[in-house]
Amino acid sequence: MFRQMISLTLLVSLVALSTSGISMIVLGSLEFQLQMHPVHKIFGILLTLSGAFHIYYNFTAIKKYLSKRKMMLFALVMTFIMVALYAIGVSKPIDPVKIEQIETIMKTMEG
């Protein structure tokens, strides 16, 4: 039963994160992004936790996938893309005063 709950949590979290993320991109409104941020963050945590359990329960299958050369290459390429996008995102300069203002607003909304 625990595995079923993990799978359903993973599914619902994926749907919540993808729909809230896509909505934030499409609408492009800072107000909407601030409204959705708590939802996006909570389901991000749920996705991470349920994903970790999913990996734990399916580790044998994952090792089998990675034993195939094409799948290992695919995983490495995806990991490289992820690291590159993180590096690009982190290297963008942002005004610290604006960051402080946004963080203050987000803390107020989450509280």
PDB file of N, CA and C in Angstrom:
ATOM      1  N   MET A   1       0.823  -1.192   0.000  1.00  0.00           N
ATOM      2  CA  MET A   1       0.000   0.000   0.000  1.00  0.00           C
ATOM      3  C   MET A   1       0.877   1.269   0.000  1.00  0.00           C
ATOM      4  N   PHE A   2       2.011   1.221   0.734  1.00  0.00           N
ATOM      5  CA  PHE A   2       2.901   2.386   0.787  1.00  0.00           C
ATOM      6  C   PHE A   2       3.437   2.716  -0.604  1.00  0.00           C
ATOM      7  N   ARG A   3       3.809   1.687  -1.365  1.00  0.00           N
ATOM      8  CA  ARG A   3       4.314   1.915  -2.726  1.00  0.00           C
ATOM      9  C   ARG A   3       3.251   2.565  -3.614  1.00  0.00           C
ATOM     10  N   GLN A   4       2.014   2.154  -3.452  1.00  0.00           N
ATOM     11  CA  GLN A   4       0.924   2.741  -4.234  1.00  0.00           C
ATOM     12  C   GLN A   4       0.724   4.211  -3.872  1.00  0.00           C
ATOM     13  N   MET A   5       0.825   4.512  -2.574  1.00  0.00           N
ATOM     14  CA  MET A   5       0.694   5.891  -2.127  1.00  0.00           C
ATOM     15  C   MET A   5       1.842   6.738  -2.674  1.00  0.00           C
ATOM     16  N   ILE A   6       3.046   6.183  -2.681  1.00  0.00           N
ATOM     17  CA  ILE A   6       4.210   6.891  -3.220  1.00  0.00           C
ATOM     18  C   ILE A   6       3.995   7.174  -4.705  1.00  0.00           C
ATOM     19  N   SER A   7       3.536   6.174  -5.437  1.00  0.00           N
ATOM     20  CA  SER A   7       3.316   6.351  -6.879  1.00  0.00           C
ATOM     21  C   SER A   7       2.266   7.421  -7.164  1.00  0.00           C
ATOM     22  N   LEU A   8       1.178   7.409  -6.409  1.00  0.00           N
ATOM     23  CA  LEU A   8       0.131   8.406  -6.620  1.00  0.00           C
ATOM     24  C   LEU A   8       0.587   9.802  -6.198  1.00  0.00           C
ATOM     25  N   THR A   9       1.367   9.878  -5.124  1.00  0.00           N
ATOM     26  CA  THR A   9       1.926  11.170  -4.703  1.00  0.00           C
ATOM     27  C   THR A   9       2.862  11.702  -5.775  1.00  0.00           C
ATOM     28  N   LEU A  10       3.662  10.824  -6.340  1.00  0.00           N
ATOM     29  CA  LEU A  10       4.583  11.206  -7.413  1.00  0.00           C
ATOM     30  C   LEU A  10       3.792  11.725  -8.619  1.00  0.00           C
ATOM     31  N   LEU A  11       2.739  11.034  -8.982  1.00  0.00           N
ATOM     32  CA  LEU A  11       1.913  11.443 -10.123  1.00  0.00           C
ATOM     33  C   LEU A  11       1.235  12.795  -9.893  1.00  0.00           C
ATOM     34  N   VAL A  12       0.576  12.949  -8.745  1.00  0.00           N
ATOM     35  CA  VAL A  12      -0.128  14.199  -8.450  1.00  0.00           C
ATOM     36  C   VAL A  12       0.867  15.358  -8.356  1.00  0.00           C
ATOM     37  N   SER A  13       2.022  15.119  -7.739  1.00  0.00           N
ATOM     38  CA  SER A  13       3.042  16.166  -7.620  1.00  0.00           C
ATOM     39  C   SER A  13       3.570  16.570  -8.991  1.00  0.00           C
ATOM     40  N   LEU A  14       3.773  15.597  -9.868  1.00  0.00           N
ATOM     41  CA  LEU A  14       4.235  15.898 -11.221  1.00  0.00           C
ATOM     42  C   LEU A  14       3.212  16.763 -11.961  1.00  0.00           C
ATOM     43  N   VAL A  15       1.943  16.410 -11.845  1.00  0.00           N
ATOM     44  CA  VAL A  15       0.889  17.186 -12.506  1.00  0.00           C
ATOM     45  C   VAL A  15       0.824  18.594 -11.910  1.00  0.00           C
ATOM     46  N   ALA A  16       0.887  18.696 -10.583  1.00  0.00           N
ATOM     47  CA  ALA A  16       0.819  20.009  -9.931  1.00  0.00           C
ATOM     48  C   ALA A  16       2.002  20.883 -10.326  1.00  0.00           C
ATOM     49  N   LEU A  17       3.209  20.322 -10.308  1.00  0.00           N
ATOM     50  CA  LEU A  17       4.395  21.102 -10.665  1.00  0.00           C
ATOM     51  C   LEU A  17       4.383  21.511 -12.124  1.00  0.00           C
ATOM     52  N   SER A  18       4.032  20.583 -12.988  1.00  0.00           N
ATOM     53  CA  SER A  18       4.055  20.910 -14.419  1.00  0.00           C
ATOM     54  C   SER A  18       2.983  21.937 -14.777  1.00  0.00           C
ATOM     55  N   THR A  19       1.781  21.792 -14.241  1.00  0.00           N
ATOM     56  CA  THR A  19       0.726  22.760 -14.573  1.00  0.00           C
ATOM     57  C   THR A  19       0.996  24.129 -13.956  1.00  0.00           C
ATOM     58  N   SER A  20       1.488  24.162 -12.722  1.00  0.00           N
ATOM     59  CA  SER A  20       1.777  25.466 -12.119  1.00  0.00           C
ATOM     60  C   SER A  20       2.971  26.121 -12.806  1.00  0.00           C
ATOM     61  N   GLY A  21       3.993  25.334 -13.141  1.00  0.00           N
ATOM     62  CA  GLY A  21       5.162  25.884 -13.829  1.00  0.00           C
ATOM     63  C   GLY A  21       4.833  26.407 -15.216  1.00  0.00           C
ATOM     64  N   ILE A  22       4.079  25.629 -15.969  1.00  0.00           N
ATOM     65  CA  ILE A  22       3.694  26.061 -17.317  1.00  0.00           C
ATOM     66  C   ILE A  22       2.792  27.294 -17.242  1.00  0.00           C
ATOM     67  N   SER A  23       1.871  27.309 -16.279  1.00  0.00           N
ATOM     68  CA  SER A  23       0.995  28.473 -16.112  1.00  0.00           C
ATOM     69  C   SER A  23       1.804  29.723 -15.789  1.00  0.00           C
ATOM     70  N   MET A  24       2.816  29.580 -14.927  1.00  0.00           N
ATOM     71  CA  MET A  24       3.645  30.740 -14.584  1.00  0.00           C
ATOM     72  C   MET A  24       4.413  31.249 -15.798  1.00  0.00           C
ATOM     73  N   ILE A  25       4.858  30.338 -16.650  1.00  0.00           N
ATOM     74  CA  ILE A  25       5.588  30.739 -17.856  1.00  0.00           C
ATOM     75  C   ILE A  25       4.643  31.395 -18.856  1.00  0.00           C
ATOM     76  N   VAL A  26       3.507  30.765 -19.116  1.00  0.00           N
ATOM     77  CA  VAL A  26       2.579  31.251 -20.134  1.00  0.00           C
ATOM     78  C   VAL A  26       1.968  32.597 -19.731  1.00  0.00           C
ATOM     79  N   LEU A  27       1.523  32.705 -18.495  1.00  0.00           N
ATOM     80  CA  LEU A  27       0.881  33.941 -18.055  1.00  0.00           C
ATOM     81  C   LEU A  27       1.906  35.057 -17.843  1.00  0.00           C
ATOM     82  N   GLY A  28       3.093  34.700 -17.369  1.00  0.00           N
ATOM     83  CA  GLY A  28       4.168  35.673 -17.223  1.00  0.00           C
ATOM     84  C   GLY A  28       3.908  36.786 -16.234  1.00  0.00           C
ATOM     85  N   SER A  29       2.877  36.677 -15.445  1.00  0.00           N
ATOM     86  CA  SER A  29       2.531  37.712 -14.477  1.00  0.00           C
ATOM     87  C   SER A  29       3.283  37.466 -13.175  1.00  0.00           C
ATOM     88  N   LEU A  30       3.972  38.490 -12.680  1.00  0.00           N
ATOM     89  CA  LEU A  30       4.684  38.354 -11.407  1.00  0.00           C
ATOM     90  C   LEU A  30       3.697  38.090 -10.281  1.00  0.00           C
ATOM     91  N   GLU A  31       2.533  38.719 -10.341  1.00  0.00           N
ATOM     92  CA  GLU A  31       1.513  38.497  -9.321  1.00  0.00           C
ATOM     93  C   GLU A  31       1.098  37.029  -9.276  1.00  0.00           C
ATOM     94  N   PHE A  32       0.843  36.443 -10.448  1.00  0.00           N
ATOM     95  CA  PHE A  32       0.457  35.033 -10.504  1.00  0.00           C
ATOM     96  C   PHE A  32       1.600  34.135 -10.019  1.00  0.00           C
ATOM     97  N   GLN A  33       2.827  34.464 -10.397  1.00  0.00           N
ATOM     98  CA  GLN A  33       3.980  33.677  -9.958  1.00  0.00           C
ATOM     99  C   GLN A  33       4.103  33.697  -8.442  1.00  0.00           C
ATOM    100  N   LEU A  34       3.893  34.854  -7.840  1.00  0.00           N
ATOM    101  CA  LEU A  34       3.958  34.944  -6.382  1.00  0.00           C
ATOM    102  C   LEU A  34       2.813  34.181  -5.720  1.00  0.00           C
ATOM    103  N   GLN A  35       1.638  34.179  -6.351  1.00  0.00           N
ATOM    104  CA  GLN A  35       0.512  33.428  -5.812  1.00  0.00           C
ATOM    105  C   GLN A  35       0.755  31.924  -5.898  1.00  0.00           C
ATOM    106  N   MET A  36       1.361  31.484  -6.989  1.00  0.00           N
ATOM    107  CA  MET A  36       1.570  30.050  -7.211  1.00  0.00           C
ATOM    108  C   MET A  36       2.828  29.523  -6.525  1.00  0.00           C
ATOM    109  N   HIS A  37       3.720  30.404  -6.113  1.00  0.00           N
ATOM    110  CA  HIS A  37       5.001  29.970  -5.553  1.00  0.00           C
ATOM    111  C   HIS A  37       4.852  28.993  -4.388  1.00  0.00           C
ATOM    112  N   PRO A  38       3.980  29.262  -3.383  1.00  0.00           N
ATOM    113  CA  PRO A  38       3.849  28.294  -2.286  1.00  0.00           C
ATOM    114  C   PRO A  38       3.376  26.919  -2.761  1.00  0.00           C
ATOM    115  N   VAL A  39       2.425  26.902  -3.683  1.00  0.00           N
ATOM    116  CA  VAL A  39       1.918  25.633  -4.227  1.00  0.00           C
ATOM    117  C   VAL A  39       3.050  24.895  -4.951  1.00  0.00           C
ATOM    118  N   HIS A  40       3.764  25.637  -5.784  1.00  0.00           N
ATOM    119  CA  HIS A  40       4.855  25.065  -6.572  1.00  0.00           C
ATOM    120  C   HIS A  40       5.948  24.501  -5.650  1.00  0.00           C
ATOM    121  N   LYS A  41       6.248  25.225  -4.592  1.00  0.00           N
ATOM    122  CA  LYS A  41       7.293  24.801  -3.658  1.00  0.00           C
ATOM    123  C   LYS A  41       6.869  23.554  -2.874  1.00  0.00           C
ATOM    124  N   ILE A  42       5.651  23.530  -2.384  1.00  0.00           N
ATOM    125  CA  ILE A  42       5.170  22.378  -1.603  1.00  0.00           C
ATOM    126  C   ILE A  42       5.155  21.112  -2.454  1.00  0.00           C
ATOM    127  N   PHE A  43       4.637  21.229  -3.677  1.00  0.00           N
ATOM    128  CA  PHE A  43       4.597  20.044  -4.529  1.00  0.00           C
ATOM    129  C   PHE A  43       5.986  19.664  -5.033  1.00  0.00           C
ATOM    130  N   GLY A  44       6.898  20.622  -5.092  1.00  0.00           N
ATOM    131  CA  GLY A  44       8.290  20.298  -5.415  1.00  0.00           C
ATOM    132  C   GLY A  44       8.914  19.434  -4.339  1.00  0.00           C
ATOM    133  N   ILE A  45       8.625  19.757  -3.086  1.00  0.00           N
ATOM    134  CA  ILE A  45       9.130  18.956  -1.963  1.00  0.00           C
ATOM    135  C   ILE A  45       8.495  17.574  -1.989  1.00  0.00           C
ATOM    136  N   LEU A  46       7.179  17.512  -2.210  1.00  0.00           N
ATOM    137  CA  LEU A  46       6.498  16.212  -2.290  1.00  0.00           C
ATOM    138  C   LEU A  46       7.039  15.362  -3.442  1.00  0.00           C
ATOM    139  N   LEU A  47       7.285  15.991  -4.584  1.00  0.00           N
ATOM    140  CA  LEU A  47       7.830  15.265  -5.736  1.00  0.00           C
ATOM    141  C   LEU A  47       9.212  14.718  -5.409  1.00  0.00           C
ATOM    142  N   THR A  48      10.028  15.522  -4.754  1.00  0.00           N
ATOM    143  CA  THR A  48      11.372  15.085  -4.394  1.00  0.00           C
ATOM    144  C   THR A  48      11.339  13.898  -3.437  1.00  0.00           C
ATOM    145  N   LEU A  49      10.510  13.994  -2.407  1.00  0.00           N
ATOM    146  CA  LEU A  49      10.429  12.898  -1.431  1.00  0.00           C
ATOM    147  C   LEU A  49       9.868  11.623  -2.056  1.00  0.00           C
ATOM    148  N   SER A  50       8.768  11.755  -2.780  1.00  0.00           N
ATOM    149  CA  SER A  50       8.178  10.559  -3.387  1.00  0.00           C
ATOM    150  C   SER A  50       9.091  10.009  -4.483  1.00  0.00           C
ATOM    151  N   GLY A  51       9.806  10.884  -5.186  1.00  0.00           N
ATOM    152  CA  GLY A  51      10.773  10.427  -6.188  1.00  0.00           C
ATOM    153  C   GLY A  51      11.908   9.641  -5.560  1.00  0.00           C
ATOM    154  N   ALA A  52      12.370  10.091  -4.395  1.00  0.00           N
ATOM    155  CA  ALA A  52      13.436   9.363  -3.695  1.00  0.00           C
ATOM    156  C   ALA A  52      12.967   7.960  -3.290  1.00  0.00           C
ATOM    157  N   PHE A  53      11.753   7.862  -2.762  1.00  0.00           N
ATOM    158  CA  PHE A  53      11.206   6.548  -2.423  1.00  0.00           C
ATOM    159  C   PHE A  53      11.020   5.691  -3.671  1.00  0.00           C
ATOM    160  N   HIS A  54      10.564   6.303  -4.747  1.00  0.00           N
ATOM    161  CA  HIS A  54      10.373   5.580  -6.009  1.00  0.00           C
ATOM    162  C   HIS A  54      11.711   4.999  -6.500  1.00  0.00           C
ATOM    163  N   ILE A  55      12.755   5.795  -6.430  1.00  0.00           N
ATOM    164  CA  ILE A  55      14.091   5.309  -6.821  1.00  0.00           C
ATOM    165  C   ILE A  55      14.519   4.161  -5.917  1.00  0.00           C
ATOM    166  N   TYR A  56      14.293   4.308  -4.623  1.00  0.00           N
ATOM    167  CA  TYR A  56      14.654   3.257  -3.663  1.00  0.00           C
ATOM    168  C   TYR A  56      13.952   1.936  -3.996  1.00  0.00           C
ATOM    169  N   TYR A  57      12.660   2.003  -4.230  1.00  0.00           N
ATOM    170  CA  TYR A  57      11.896   0.785  -4.501  1.00  0.00           C
ATOM    171  C   TYR A  57      12.156   0.206  -5.893  1.00  0.00           C
ATOM    172  N   ASN A  58      12.685   0.994  -6.802  1.00  0.00           N
ATOM    173  CA  ASN A  58      12.919   0.531  -8.169  1.00  0.00           C
ATOM    174  C   ASN A  58      14.394   0.569  -8.564  1.00  0.00           C
ATOM    175  N   PHE A  59      15.266   0.530  -7.576  1.00  0.00           N
ATOM    176  CA  PHE A  59      16.686   0.693  -7.835  1.00  0.00           C
ATOM    177  C   PHE A  59      17.249  -0.417  -8.730  1.00  0.00           C
ATOM    178  N   THR A  60      16.777  -1.632  -8.559  1.00  0.00           N
ATOM    179  CA  THR A  60      17.253  -2.744  -9.386  1.00  0.00           C
ATOM    180  C   THR A  60      16.937  -2.493 -10.860  1.00  0.00           C
ATOM    181  N   ALA A  61      15.727  -2.057 -11.146  1.00  0.00           N
ATOM    182  CA  ALA A  61      15.343  -1.770 -12.533  1.00  0.00           C
ATOM    183  C   ALA A  61      16.165  -0.606 -13.092  1.00  0.00           C
ATOM    184  N   ILE A  62      16.407   0.407 -12.272  1.00  0.00           N
ATOM    185  CA  ILE A  62      17.187   1.569 -12.723  1.00  0.00           C
ATOM    186  C   ILE A  62      18.616   1.142 -13.047  1.00  0.00           C
ATOM    187  N   LYS A  63      19.202   0.301 -12.202  1.00  0.00           N
ATOM    188  CA  LYS A  63      20.558  -0.204 -12.488  1.00  0.00           C
ATOM    189  C   LYS A  63      20.569  -0.981 -13.797  1.00  0.00           C
ATOM    190  N   LYS A  64      19.519  -1.744 -14.046  1.00  0.00           N
ATOM    191  CA  LYS A  64      19.429  -2.510 -15.292  1.00  0.00           C
ATOM    192  C   LYS A  64      19.351  -1.565 -16.497  1.00  0.00           C
ATOM    193  N   TYR A  65      18.550  -0.485 -16.373  1.00  0.00           N
ATOM    194  CA  TYR A  65      18.468   0.492 -17.464  1.00  0.00           C
ATOM    195  C   TYR A  65      19.832   1.097 -17.745  1.00  0.00           C
ATOM    196  N   LEU A  66      20.544   1.462 -16.676  1.00  0.00           N
ATOM    197  CA  LEU A  66      21.833   2.135 -16.829  1.00  0.00           C
ATOM    198  C   LEU A  66      22.941   1.204 -17.299  1.00  0.00           C
ATOM    199  N   SER A  67      22.704  -0.101 -17.264  1.00  0.00           N
ATOM    200  CA  SER A  67      23.720  -1.033 -17.750  1.00  0.00           C
ATOM    201  C   SER A  67      23.777  -1.041 -19.279  1.00  0.00           C
ATOM    202  N   LYS A  68      22.740  -0.513 -19.901  1.00  0.00           N
ATOM    203  CA  LYS A  68      22.721  -0.415 -21.363  1.00  0.00           C
ATOM    204  C   LYS A  68      23.416   0.877 -21.772  1.00  0.00           C
ATOM    205  N   ARG A  69      24.318   0.762 -22.726  1.00  0.00           N
ATOM    206  CA  ARG A  69      25.152   1.899 -23.129  1.00  0.00           C
ATOM    207  C   ARG A  69      24.339   3.113 -23.584  1.00  0.00           C
ATOM    208  N   LYS A  70      23.302   2.892 -24.388  1.00  0.00           N
ATOM    209  CA  LYS A  70      22.492   3.999 -24.887  1.00  0.00           C
ATOM    210  C   LYS A  70      21.764   4.716 -23.747  1.00  0.00           C
ATOM    211  N   MET A  71      21.270   3.951 -22.800  1.00  0.00           N
ATOM    212  CA  MET A  71      20.554   4.552 -21.674  1.00  0.00           C
ATOM    213  C   MET A  71      21.510   5.319 -20.763  1.00  0.00           C
ATOM    214  N   MET A  72      22.710   4.787 -20.573  1.00  0.00           N
ATOM    215  CA  MET A  72      23.709   5.491 -19.764  1.00  0.00           C
ATOM    216  C   MET A  72      24.090   6.801 -20.448  1.00  0.00           C
ATOM    217  N   LEU A  73      24.278   6.769 -21.759  1.00  0.00           N
ATOM    218  CA  LEU A  73      24.604   7.978 -22.511  1.00  0.00           C
ATOM    219  C   LEU A  73      23.461   8.989 -22.413  1.00  0.00           C
ATOM    220  N   PHE A  74      22.238   8.507 -22.545  1.00  0.00           N
ATOM    221  CA  PHE A  74      21.069   9.375 -22.424  1.00  0.00           C
ATOM    222  C   PHE A  74      21.031  10.038 -21.047  1.00  0.00           C
ATOM    223  N   ALA A  75      21.256   9.257 -19.997  1.00  0.00           N
ATOM    224  CA  ALA A  75      21.251   9.793 -18.632  1.00  0.00           C
ATOM    225  C   ALA A  75      22.358  10.835 -18.455  1.00  0.00           C
ATOM    226  N   LEU A  76      23.520  10.581 -19.018  1.00  0.00           N
ATOM    227  CA  LEU A  76      24.623  11.531 -18.924  1.00  0.00           C
ATOM    228  C   LEU A  76      24.316  12.835 -19.669  1.00  0.00           C
ATOM    229  N   VAL A  77      23.727  12.727 -20.856  1.00  0.00           N
ATOM    230  CA  VAL A  77      23.362  13.920 -21.620  1.00  0.00           C
ATOM    231  C   VAL A  77      22.313  14.733 -20.855  1.00  0.00           C
ATOM    232  N   MET A  78      21.302  14.071 -20.317  1.00  0.00           N
ATOM    233  CA  MET A  78      20.266  14.772 -19.550  1.00  0.00           C
ATOM    234  C   MET A  78      20.869  15.446 -18.317  1.00  0.00           C
ATOM    235  N   THR A  79      21.788  14.766 -17.655  1.00  0.00           N
ATOM    236  CA  THR A  79      22.462  15.347 -16.483  1.00  0.00           C
ATOM    237  C   THR A  79      23.285  16.559 -16.892  1.00  0.00           C
ATOM    238  N   PHE A  80      23.988  16.473 -18.018  1.00  0.00           N
ATOM    239  CA  PHE A  80      24.771  17.606 -18.511  1.00  0.00           C
ATOM    240  C   PHE A  80      23.869  18.804 -18.808  1.00  0.00           C
ATOM    241  N   ILE A  81      22.732  18.551 -19.460  1.00  0.00           N
ATOM    242  CA  ILE A  81      21.790  19.624 -19.778  1.00  0.00           C
ATOM    243  C   ILE A  81      21.283  20.277 -18.491  1.00  0.00           C
ATOM    244  N   MET A  82      20.960  19.463 -17.500  1.00  0.00           N
ATOM    245  CA  MET A  82      20.477  19.991 -16.229  1.00  0.00           C
ATOM    246  C   MET A  82      21.535  20.870 -15.569  1.00  0.00           C
ATOM    247  N   VAL A  83      22.768  20.390 -15.500  1.00  0.00           N
ATOM    248  CA  VAL A  83      23.848  21.158 -14.879  1.00  0.00           C
ATOM    249  C   VAL A  83      24.106  22.451 -15.646  1.00  0.00           C
ATOM    250  N   ALA A  84      24.084  22.374 -16.971  1.00  0.00           N
ATOM    251  CA  ALA A  84      24.312  23.569 -17.796  1.00  0.00           C
ATOM    252  C   ALA A  84      23.218  24.605 -17.562  1.00  0.00           C
ATOM    253  N   LEU A  85      21.964  24.172 -17.498  1.00  0.00           N
ATOM    254  CA  LEU A  85      20.868  25.111 -17.268  1.00  0.00           C
ATOM    255  C   LEU A  85      20.930  25.731 -15.869  1.00  0.00           C
ATOM    256  N   TYR A  86      21.318  24.935 -14.885  1.00  0.00           N
ATOM    257  CA  TYR A  86      21.525  25.487 -13.547  1.00  0.00           C
ATOM    258  C   TYR A  86      22.628  26.537 -13.574  1.00  0.00           C
ATOM    259  N   ALA A  87      23.723  26.239 -14.246  1.00  0.00           N
ATOM    260  CA  ALA A  87      24.847  27.178 -14.323  1.00  0.00           C
ATOM    261  C   ALA A  87      24.427  28.476 -15.009  1.00  0.00           C
ATOM    262  N   ILE A  88      23.667  28.368 -16.080  1.00  0.00           N
ATOM    263  CA  ILE A  88      23.186  29.562 -16.783  1.00  0.00           C
ATOM    264  C   ILE A  88      22.267  30.376 -15.872  1.00  0.00           C
ATOM    265  N   GLY A  89      21.345  29.694 -15.207  1.00  0.00           N
ATOM    266  CA  GLY A  89      20.410  30.392 -14.322  1.00  0.00           C
ATOM    267  C   GLY A  89      21.098  31.076 -13.156  1.00  0.00           C
ATOM    268  N   VAL A  90      22.069  30.416 -12.557  1.00  0.00           N
ATOM    269  CA  VAL A  90      22.760  30.972 -11.394  1.00  0.00           C
ATOM    270  C   VAL A  90      23.683  32.123 -11.791  1.00  0.00           C
ATOM    271  N   SER A  91      24.207  32.092 -13.009  1.00  0.00           N
ATOM    272  CA  SER A  91      25.162  33.117 -13.422  1.00  0.00           C
ATOM    273  C   SER A  91      24.509  34.413 -13.885  1.00  0.00           C
ATOM    274  N   LYS A  92      23.184  34.436 -14.007  1.00  0.00           N
ATOM    275  CA  LYS A  92      22.489  35.660 -14.419  1.00  0.00           C
ATOM    276  C   LYS A  92      22.542  36.690 -13.293  1.00  0.00           C
ATOM    277  N   PRO A  93      23.021  37.895 -13.602  1.00  0.00           N
ATOM    278  CA  PRO A  93      23.057  38.918 -12.540  1.00  0.00           C
ATOM    279  C   PRO A  93      21.652  39.462 -12.258  1.00  0.00           C
ATOM    280  N   ILE A  94      21.342  39.592 -10.975  1.00  0.00           N
ATOM    281  CA  ILE A  94      20.051  40.116 -10.554  1.00  0.00           C
ATOM    282  C   ILE A  94      20.310  41.159  -9.467  1.00  0.00           C
ATOM    283  N   ASP A  95      19.566  42.247  -9.519  1.00  0.00           N
ATOM    284  CA  ASP A  95      19.710  43.338  -8.561  1.00  0.00           C
ATOM    285  C   ASP A  95      19.354  42.849  -7.149  1.00  0.00           C
ATOM    286  N   PRO A  96      20.301  42.910  -6.195  1.00  0.00           N
ATOM    287  CA  PRO A  96      20.036  42.425  -4.830  1.00  0.00           C
ATOM    288  C   PRO A  96      18.887  43.148  -4.133  1.00  0.00           C
ATOM    289  N   VAL A  97      18.681  44.413  -4.432  1.00  0.00           N
ATOM    290  CA  VAL A  97      17.578  45.161  -3.817  1.00  0.00           C
ATOM    291  C   VAL A  97      16.239  44.590  -4.280  1.00  0.00           C
ATOM    292  N   LYS A  98      16.140  44.272  -5.566  1.00  0.00           N
ATOM    293  CA  LYS A  98      14.907  43.681  -6.103  1.00  0.00           C
ATOM    294  C   LYS A  98      14.652  42.309  -5.477  1.00  0.00           C
ATOM    295  N   ILE A  99      15.729  41.544  -5.315  1.00  0.00           N
ATOM    296  CA  ILE A  99      15.602  40.214  -4.696  1.00  0.00           C
ATOM    297  C   ILE A  99      15.041  40.347  -3.282  1.00  0.00           C
ATOM    298  N   GLU A 100      15.577  41.264  -2.506  1.00  0.00           N
ATOM    299  CA  GLU A 100      15.115  41.473  -1.130  1.00  0.00           C
ATOM    300  C   GLU A 100      13.638  41.864  -1.107  1.00  0.00           C
ATOM    301  N   GLN A 101      13.222  42.720  -2.037  1.00  0.00           N
ATOM    302  CA  GLN A 101      11.813  43.132  -2.098  1.00  0.00           C
ATOM    303  C   GLN A 101      10.913  41.937  -2.418  1.00  0.00           C
ATOM    304  N   ILE A 102      11.319  41.143  -3.386  1.00  0.00           N
ATOM    305  CA  ILE A 102      10.517  39.974  -3.777  1.00  0.00           C
ATOM    306  C   ILE A 102      10.469  38.962  -2.640  1.00  0.00           C
ATOM    307  N   GLU A 103      11.600  38.712  -1.980  1.00  0.00           N
ATOM    308  CA  GLU A 103      11.613  37.756  -0.864  1.00  0.00           C
ATOM    309  C   GLU A 103      10.730  38.221   0.279  1.00  0.00           C
ATOM    310  N   THR A 104      10.704  39.506   0.550  1.00  0.00           N
ATOM    311  CA  THR A 104       9.831  40.044   1.590  1.00  0.00           C
ATOM    312  C   THR A 104       8.374  39.806   1.233  1.00  0.00           C
ATOM    313  N   ILE A 105       8.018  40.063  -0.015  1.00  0.00           N
ATOM    314  CA  ILE A 105       6.640  39.838  -0.475  1.00  0.00           C
ATOM    315  C   ILE A 105       6.291  38.346  -0.373  1.00  0.00           C
ATOM    316  N   MET A 106       7.207  37.468  -0.787  1.00  0.00           N
ATOM    317  CA  MET A 106       6.931  36.026  -0.757  1.00  0.00           C
ATOM    318  C   MET A 106       6.753  35.536   0.667  1.00  0.00           C
ATOM    319  N   LYS A 107       7.567  36.008   1.592  1.00  0.00           N
ATOM    320  CA  LYS A 107       7.426  35.602   3.003  1.00  0.00           C
ATOM    321  C   LYS A 107       6.092  36.057   3.563  1.00  0.00           C
ATOM    322  N   THR A 108       5.662  37.250   3.176  1.00  0.00           N
ATOM    323  CA  THR A 108       4.375  37.774   3.634  1.00  0.00           C
ATOM    324  C   THR A 108       3.232  36.915   3.099  1.00  0.00           C
ATOM    325  N   MET A 109       3.320  36.530   1.825  1.00  0.00           N
ATOM    326  CA  MET A 109       2.261  35.729   1.215  1.00  0.00           C
ATOM    327  C   MET A 109       2.227  34.321   1.775  1.00  0.00           C
ATOM    328  N   GLU A 110       3.388  33.740   2.075  1.00  0.00           N
ATOM    329  CA  GLU A 110       3.428  32.379   2.594  1.00  0.00           C
ATOM    330  C   GLU A 110       3.004  32.314   4.053  1.00  0.00           C
ATOM    331  N   GLY A 111       3.175  33.402   4.769  1.00  0.00           N
ATOM    332  CA  GLY A 111       2.835  33.436   6.198  1.00  0.00           C
ATOM    333  C   GLY A 111       1.393  33.606   6.379  1.00  0.00           C
TER     334      GLY A 111
END
